[in-house]
Amino acid sequence: MPDAEPAPEPARDREQRRLAQEKKDERYVWWYLAYFLFGIHIVAFVMIYAVMHAK
């Protein structure tokens, strides 16, 4: 009868997967930050334009 549970992974493989996932997550955080800062600047330029052209 085959085992119901797979054999436990070596700690090294688990650590490598964790590091790869952490690197991927960090990359996503930087992209979100870049989009957020870009958006803030667009809003600021629109507000500056509105104030300069208000009558």
N, C-alpha and C. Protein backbone atom coordinates (compact mmCIF):
# COMPACT_ATOMS: atom_id res chain seq x y z
N MET A 1 0.85 -1.18 0.00
CA MET A 1 0.00 0.00 0.00
C MET A 1 0.89 1.24 0.00
N PRO A 2 0.67 2.19 -0.91
CA PRO A 2 1.51 3.40 -0.94
C PRO A 2 1.24 4.30 0.26
N ASP A 3 2.26 5.07 0.58
CA ASP A 3 2.12 6.00 1.70
C ASP A 3 1.10 7.08 1.36
N ALA A 4 0.32 7.48 2.34
CA ALA A 4 -0.67 8.54 2.15
C ALA A 4 0.01 9.91 2.11
N GLU A 5 1.10 10.05 2.86
CA GLU A 5 1.80 11.34 2.92
C GLU A 5 3.09 11.25 2.11
N PRO A 6 3.42 12.32 1.38
CA PRO A 6 4.72 12.32 0.70
C PRO A 6 5.84 12.45 1.72
N ALA A 7 7.00 12.01 1.33
CA ALA A 7 8.16 12.11 2.22
C ALA A 7 8.46 13.58 2.48
N PRO A 8 8.87 13.92 3.70
CA PRO A 8 9.19 15.33 3.99
C PRO A 8 10.36 15.81 3.13
N GLU A 9 10.24 17.05 2.67
CA GLU A 9 11.30 17.62 1.82
C GLU A 9 12.53 17.95 2.67
N PRO A 10 13.67 17.93 2.06
CA PRO A 10 14.85 18.40 2.79
C PRO A 10 14.69 19.90 3.10
N ALA A 11 15.28 20.31 4.19
CA ALA A 11 15.17 21.71 4.61
C ALA A 11 15.75 22.65 3.57
N ARG A 12 16.77 22.20 2.86
CA ARG A 12 17.41 23.06 1.86
C ARG A 12 16.45 23.41 0.73
N ASP A 13 15.71 22.41 0.23
CA ASP A 13 14.74 22.67 -0.84
C ASP A 13 13.65 23.64 -0.37
N ARG A 14 13.20 23.42 0.85
CA ARG A 14 12.16 24.29 1.42
C ARG A 14 12.68 25.73 1.52
N GLU A 15 13.92 25.88 1.97
CA GLU A 15 14.52 27.22 2.10
C GLU A 15 14.69 27.88 0.74
N GLN A 16 15.10 27.12 -0.27
CA GLN A 16 15.26 27.67 -1.62
C GLN A 16 13.92 28.17 -2.16
N ARG A 17 12.86 27.37 -1.95
CA ARG A 17 11.53 27.79 -2.42
C ARG A 17 11.07 29.04 -1.69
N ARG A 18 11.33 29.10 -0.38
CA ARG A 18 10.93 30.27 0.40
C ARG A 18 11.66 31.52 -0.08
N LEU A 19 12.96 31.39 -0.35
CA LEU A 19 13.74 32.54 -0.84
C LEU A 19 13.26 32.99 -2.21
N ALA A 20 12.94 32.04 -3.08
CA ALA A 20 12.45 32.39 -4.42
C ALA A 20 11.11 33.12 -4.31
N GLN A 21 10.23 32.64 -3.44
CA GLN A 21 8.93 33.30 -3.26
C GLN A 21 9.11 34.69 -2.66
N GLU A 22 10.03 34.82 -1.71
CA GLU A 22 10.28 36.12 -1.08
C GLU A 22 10.80 37.13 -2.12
N LYS A 23 11.69 36.67 -3.00
CA LYS A 23 12.22 37.55 -4.04
C LYS A 23 11.11 38.00 -4.99
N LYS A 24 10.24 37.06 -5.35
CA LYS A 24 9.12 37.38 -6.24
C LYS A 24 8.18 38.39 -5.57
N ASP A 25 7.86 38.17 -4.29
CA ASP A 25 6.98 39.08 -3.57
C ASP A 25 7.60 40.47 -3.45
N GLU A 26 8.91 40.53 -3.22
CA GLU A 26 9.58 41.82 -3.10
C GLU A 26 9.53 42.58 -4.42
N ARG A 27 9.67 41.85 -5.52
CA ARG A 27 9.59 42.47 -6.84
C ARG A 27 8.19 43.08 -7.05
N TYR A 28 7.15 42.36 -6.64
CA TYR A 28 5.78 42.89 -6.75
C TYR A 28 5.61 44.15 -5.91
N VAL A 29 6.19 44.16 -4.71
CA VAL A 29 6.09 45.34 -3.85
C VAL A 29 6.71 46.55 -4.53
N TRP A 30 7.88 46.37 -5.17
CA TRP A 30 8.52 47.49 -5.86
C TRP A 30 7.66 47.98 -7.02
N TRP A 31 7.02 47.06 -7.77
CA TRP A 31 6.15 47.48 -8.87
C TRP A 31 4.95 48.26 -8.35
N TYR A 32 4.33 47.78 -7.26
CA TYR A 32 3.20 48.51 -6.69
C TYR A 32 3.63 49.89 -6.23
N LEU A 33 4.79 49.98 -5.60
CA LEU A 33 5.29 51.28 -5.15
C LEU A 33 5.53 52.20 -6.34
N ALA A 34 6.10 51.69 -7.42
CA ALA A 34 6.36 52.50 -8.61
C ALA A 34 5.06 53.03 -9.21
N TYR A 35 4.06 52.16 -9.35
CA TYR A 35 2.78 52.60 -9.89
C TYR A 35 2.12 53.63 -8.98
N PHE A 36 2.20 53.42 -7.67
CA PHE A 36 1.61 54.36 -6.72
C PHE A 36 2.27 55.74 -6.84
N LEU A 37 3.61 55.77 -6.87
CA LEU A 37 4.31 57.05 -6.96
C LEU A 37 4.02 57.73 -8.30
N PHE A 38 3.96 56.96 -9.37
CA PHE A 38 3.63 57.51 -10.68
C PHE A 38 2.24 58.14 -10.64
N GLY A 39 1.29 57.44 -10.04
CA GLY A 39 -0.07 57.95 -9.93
C GLY A 39 -0.14 59.23 -9.11
N ILE A 40 0.60 59.29 -8.03
CA ILE A 40 0.63 60.49 -7.19
C ILE A 40 1.13 61.69 -8.00
N HIS A 41 2.14 61.47 -8.83
CA HIS A 41 2.66 62.57 -9.64
C HIS A 41 1.66 63.02 -10.69
N ILE A 42 0.96 62.09 -11.30
CA ILE A 42 -0.07 62.46 -12.28
C ILE A 42 -1.13 63.32 -11.60
N VAL A 43 -1.59 62.90 -10.43
CA VAL A 43 -2.60 63.68 -9.70
C VAL A 43 -2.06 65.06 -9.36
N ALA A 44 -0.81 65.14 -8.92
CA ALA A 44 -0.22 66.43 -8.57
C ALA A 44 -0.14 67.34 -9.78
N PHE A 45 0.27 66.82 -10.94
CA PHE A 45 0.35 67.65 -12.14
C PHE A 45 -1.02 68.14 -12.58
N VAL A 46 -2.02 67.29 -12.47
CA VAL A 46 -3.39 67.71 -12.82
C VAL A 46 -3.86 68.80 -11.87
N MET A 47 -3.56 68.67 -10.60
CA MET A 47 -3.96 69.70 -9.63
C MET A 47 -3.22 71.01 -9.90
N ILE A 48 -1.94 70.95 -10.21
CA ILE A 48 -1.18 72.16 -10.53
C ILE A 48 -1.76 72.82 -11.76
N TYR A 49 -2.08 72.02 -12.79
CA TYR A 49 -2.67 72.55 -14.02
C TYR A 49 -4.01 73.23 -13.70
N ALA A 50 -4.82 72.59 -12.86
CA ALA A 50 -6.13 73.15 -12.52
C ALA A 50 -5.98 74.47 -11.78
N VAL A 51 -5.05 74.56 -10.86
CA VAL A 51 -4.86 75.79 -10.09
C VAL A 51 -4.32 76.90 -10.98
N MET A 52 -3.40 76.57 -11.88
CA MET A 52 -2.81 77.59 -12.75
C MET A 52 -3.82 78.14 -13.76
N HIS A 53 -4.79 77.31 -14.16
CA HIS A 53 -5.74 77.74 -15.18
C HIS A 53 -7.11 78.10 -14.62
N ALA A 54 -7.22 78.17 -13.31
CA ALA A 54 -8.50 78.54 -12.70
C ALA A 54 -8.74 80.04 -12.89
N LYS A 55 -10.00 80.39 -13.06
CA LYS A 55 -10.33 81.82 -13.23
C LYS A 55 -11.19 82.29 -12.10
